[in-house]
C-alpha atoms as a PDB file:
ATOM      1  CA  UNK A   1      -6.355  50.011 -53.300  1.00  0.00           C
ATOM      2  CA  UNK A   2      -3.048  48.319 -53.315  1.00  0.00           C
ATOM      3  CA  UNK A   3      -2.872  44.546 -52.792  1.00  0.00           C
ATOM      4  CA  UNK A   4      -0.771  45.016 -49.662  1.00  0.00           C
ATOM      5  CA  UNK A   5      -3.544  47.092 -48.078  1.00  0.00           C
ATOM      6  CA  UNK A   6      -6.128  44.397 -48.889  1.00  0.00           C
ATOM      7  CA  UNK A   7      -3.942  41.724 -47.258  1.00  0.00           C
ATOM      8  CA  UNK A   8      -3.458  43.918 -44.173  1.00  0.00           C
ATOM      9  CA  UNK A   9      -7.209  44.527 -43.860  1.00  0.00           C
ATOM     10  CA  UNK A  10      -7.949  40.786 -44.211  1.00  0.00           C
ATOM     11  CA  UNK A  11      -5.290  39.942 -41.600  1.00  0.00           C
ATOM     12  CA  UNK A  12      -6.772  42.488 -39.188  1.00  0.00           C
ATOM     13  CA  UNK A  13     -10.271  41.144 -39.840  1.00  0.00           C
ATOM     14  CA  UNK A  14      -9.140  37.553 -39.112  1.00  0.00           C
ATOM     15  CA  UNK A  15      -7.374  38.706 -35.960  1.00  0.00           C
ATOM     16  CA  UNK A  16     -10.541  40.436 -34.688  1.00  0.00           C
ATOM     17  CA  UNK A  17     -12.680  37.348 -35.448  1.00  0.00           C
ATOM     18  CA  UNK A  18     -10.214  35.097 -33.599  1.00  0.00           C
ATOM     19  CA  UNK A  19     -10.206  37.414 -30.565  1.00  0.00           C
ATOM     20  CA  UNK A  20     -14.020  37.572 -30.429  1.00  0.00           C
ATOM     21  CA  UNK A  21     -14.250  33.793 -30.822  1.00  0.00           C
ATOM     22  CA  UNK A  22     -11.799  33.125 -27.955  1.00  0.00           C
ATOM     23  CA  UNK A  23     -13.624  35.567 -25.657  1.00  0.00           C
ATOM     24  CA  UNK A  24     -17.040  34.025 -26.287  1.00  0.00           C
ATOM     25  CA  UNK A  25     -15.872  30.427 -25.876  1.00  0.00           C
ATOM     26  CA  UNK A  26     -16.429  28.970 -22.378  1.00  0.00           C
ATOM     27  CA  UNK A  27     -13.263  28.409 -20.361  1.00  0.00           C
ATOM     28  CA  UNK A  28     -11.795  24.929 -20.644  1.00  0.00           C
ATOM     29  CA  UNK A  29     -12.645  22.550 -17.822  1.00  0.00           C
ATOM     30  CA  UNK A  30      -9.780  21.646 -15.609  1.00  0.00           C
ATOM     31  CA  UNK A  31      -9.740  17.922 -15.264  1.00  0.00           C
ATOM     32  CA  UNK A  32      -8.458  16.428 -12.068  1.00  0.00           C
ATOM     33  CA  UNK A  33      -5.330  14.383 -12.376  1.00  0.00           C
ATOM     34  CA  UNK A  34      -6.190  10.836 -13.060  1.00  0.00           C
ATOM     35  CA  UNK A  35      -4.756   8.616 -10.422  1.00  0.00           C
ATOM     36  CA  UNK A  36      -3.857   5.139 -11.454  1.00  0.00           C
ATOM     37  CA  UNK A  37      -6.107   2.635  -9.713  1.00  0.00           C
ATOM     38  CA  UNK A  38      -4.567   0.879  -6.776  1.00  0.00           C
ATOM     39  CA  UNK A  39      -4.033  -2.767  -7.377  1.00  0.00           C
ATOM     40  CA  UNK A  40      -5.970  -4.609  -4.710  1.00  0.00           C
ATOM     41  CA  UNK A  41      -4.458  -7.893  -3.741  1.00  0.00           C
ATOM     42  CA  UNK A  42      -7.064 -10.297  -2.512  1.00  0.00           C
ATOM     43  CA  UNK A  43      -4.784 -12.420  -0.413  1.00  0.00           C
ATOM     44  CA  UNK A  44      -6.354 -14.159   2.480  1.00  0.00           C
ATOM     45  CA  UNK A  45      -4.713 -13.792   5.849  1.00  0.00           C
ATOM     46  CA  UNK A  46      -4.748 -15.503   9.188  1.00  0.00           C
ATOM     47  CA  UNK A  47      -3.489 -14.632  12.643  1.00  0.00           C
ATOM     48  CA  UNK A  48      -2.045 -17.338  14.846  1.00  0.00           C
ATOM     49  CA  UNK A  49      -0.729 -17.014  18.365  1.00  0.00           C
ATOM     50  CA  UNK A  50       2.311 -19.056  19.414  1.00  0.00           C
ATOM     51  CA  UNK A  51       2.194 -19.124  23.216  1.00  0.00           C
ATOM     52  CA  UNK A  52       5.595 -19.714  24.800  1.00  0.00           C
ATOM     53  CA  UNK A  53       5.192 -17.459  27.850  1.00  0.00           C
ATOM     54  CA  UNK A  54       6.953 -14.153  28.414  1.00  0.00           C
ATOM     55  CA  UNK A  55       5.796 -10.568  28.217  1.00  0.00           C
ATOM     56  CA  UNK A  56       7.257  -9.430  24.887  1.00  0.00           C
ATOM     57  CA  UNK A  57       5.933 -10.692  21.560  1.00  0.00           C
ATOM     58  CA  UNK A  58       7.138 -10.624  17.994  1.00  0.00           C
ATOM     59  CA  UNK A  59       4.929 -10.460  14.920  1.00  0.00           C
ATOM     60  CA  UNK A  60       6.118 -12.572  12.002  1.00  0.00           C
ATOM     61  CA  UNK A  61       4.734 -12.609   8.465  1.00  0.00           C
ATOM     62  CA  UNK A  62       4.774 -15.928   6.625  1.00  0.00           C
ATOM     63  CA  UNK A  63       3.485 -16.464   3.068  1.00  0.00           C
ATOM     64  CA  UNK A  64       2.421 -20.013   2.400  1.00  0.00           C
ATOM     65  CA  UNK A  65      -0.012 -21.393  -0.188  1.00  0.00           C
ATOM     66  CA  UNK A  66      -1.207 -17.938  -1.324  1.00  0.00           C
ATOM     67  CA  UNK A  67      -2.198 -17.101   2.249  1.00  0.00           C
ATOM     68  CA  UNK A  68      -0.468 -14.540   4.446  1.00  0.00           C
ATOM     69  CA  UNK A  69      -0.058 -15.789   7.993  1.00  0.00           C
ATOM     70  CA  UNK A  70       0.692 -13.349  10.812  1.00  0.00           C
ATOM     71  CA  UNK A  71       2.200 -15.159  13.777  1.00  0.00           C
ATOM     72  CA  UNK A  72       2.245 -13.549  17.227  1.00  0.00           C
ATOM     73  CA  UNK A  73       5.208 -15.297  18.840  1.00  0.00           C
ATOM     74  CA  UNK A  74       5.823 -14.939  22.578  1.00  0.00           C
ATOM     75  CA  UNK A  75       9.414 -14.133  23.525  1.00  0.00           C
ATOM     76  CA  UNK A  76      10.166 -15.578  26.965  1.00  0.00           C
ATOM     77  CA  UNK A  77      13.165 -14.349  28.969  1.00  0.00           C
ATOM     78  CA  UNK A  78      16.036 -16.428  30.315  1.00  0.00           C
ATOM     79  CA  UNK A  79      15.285 -19.727  28.587  1.00  0.00           C
ATOM     80  CA  UNK A  80      18.230 -20.831  26.407  1.00  0.00           C
ATOM     81  CA  UNK A  81      16.355 -23.671  24.630  1.00  0.00           C
ATOM     82  CA  UNK A  82      13.292 -21.600  23.728  1.00  0.00           C
ATOM     83  CA  UNK A  83      14.621 -20.359  20.341  1.00  0.00           C
ATOM     84  CA  UNK A  84      15.042 -23.996  19.299  1.00  0.00           C
ATOM     85  CA  UNK A  85      11.451 -24.814  20.341  1.00  0.00           C
ATOM     86  CA  UNK A  86      10.161 -21.770  18.497  1.00  0.00           C
ATOM     87  CA  UNK A  87      12.002 -22.592  15.276  1.00  0.00           C
ATOM     88  CA  UNK A  88      10.714 -26.182  15.444  1.00  0.00           C
ATOM     89  CA  UNK A  89       7.183 -24.884  15.982  1.00  0.00           C
ATOM     90  CA  UNK A  90       7.477 -22.571  12.966  1.00  0.00           C
ATOM     91  CA  UNK A  91       8.856 -25.374  10.810  1.00  0.00           C
ATOM     92  CA  UNK A  92       6.102 -27.773  11.914  1.00  0.00           C
ATOM     93  CA  UNK A  93       3.372 -25.245  11.108  1.00  0.00           C
ATOM     94  CA  UNK A  94       4.759 -23.494   8.021  1.00  0.00           C
ATOM     95  CA  UNK A  95       7.359 -25.869   6.594  1.00  0.00           C
ATOM     96  CA  UNK A  96      10.015 -24.305   4.389  1.00  0.00           C
ATOM     97  CA  UNK A  97       8.298 -20.891   4.217  1.00  0.00           C
ATOM     98  CA  UNK A  98      10.609 -18.206   5.579  1.00  0.00           C
ATOM     99  CA  UNK A  99       9.079 -15.865   8.171  1.00  0.00           C
ATOM    100  CA  UNK A 100       9.702 -12.126   8.002  1.00  0.00           C
ATOM    101  CA  UNK A 101       9.935 -10.124  11.216  1.00  0.00           C
ATOM    102  CA  UNK A 102       7.346  -7.351  11.288  1.00  0.00           C
ATOM    103  CA  UNK A 103       8.293  -6.048  14.727  1.00  0.00           C
ATOM    104  CA  UNK A 104       8.803  -6.742  18.414  1.00  0.00           C
ATOM    105  CA  UNK A 105       6.200  -5.388  20.827  1.00  0.00           C
ATOM    106  CA  UNK A 106       6.311  -4.900  24.607  1.00  0.00           C
ATOM    107  CA  UNK A 107       3.001  -6.687  25.206  1.00  0.00           C
ATOM    108  CA  UNK A 108       1.083  -9.512  23.603  1.00  0.00           C
ATOM    109  CA  UNK A 109      -1.932  -7.246  23.171  1.00  0.00           C
ATOM    110  CA  UNK A 110       0.090  -4.703  21.176  1.00  0.00           C
ATOM    111  CA  UNK A 111       1.411  -7.475  18.943  1.00  0.00           C
ATOM    112  CA  UNK A 112      -2.069  -8.901  18.345  1.00  0.00           C
ATOM    113  CA  UNK A 113      -3.397  -5.417  17.517  1.00  0.00           C
ATOM    114  CA  UNK A 114      -0.585  -4.897  14.986  1.00  0.00           C
ATOM    115  CA  UNK A 115      -1.254  -8.288  13.379  1.00  0.00           C
ATOM    116  CA  UNK A 116      -4.985  -7.508  13.213  1.00  0.00           C
ATOM    117  CA  UNK A 117      -4.267  -4.142  11.591  1.00  0.00           C
ATOM    118  CA  UNK A 118      -1.999  -5.755   8.986  1.00  0.00           C
ATOM    119  CA  UNK A 119      -4.480  -8.535   8.285  1.00  0.00           C
ATOM    120  CA  UNK A 120      -7.302  -6.001   7.885  1.00  0.00           C
ATOM    121  CA  UNK A 121      -5.344  -4.261   5.110  1.00  0.00           C
ATOM    122  CA  UNK A 122      -4.986  -7.459   3.091  1.00  0.00           C
END
């Protein structure tokens, strides 16, 4: 037998062994995508109601001393000095912390529900 024939027979033999081995091996397990864990922020939160009358209310978010404060601020109609009172109230309660407007709601109840929902997530 020529050496080329021996090499061809060995190559065929190795090919058959590889095919049998791959057919008898169990299929690989499909692993689910690993999702990075969500970073849970354990910030405390409070809800405070600033009663100034009126039907509409705004929800403000204020971060002060590692605590998130949600303020439900009444928005009265037709009172030109009320914004000054409200800003003084915010400054007296939260100092230099800058409030962020979350939204304006048609009723106080809707605003309180939104603040409660946001506080529950924290």
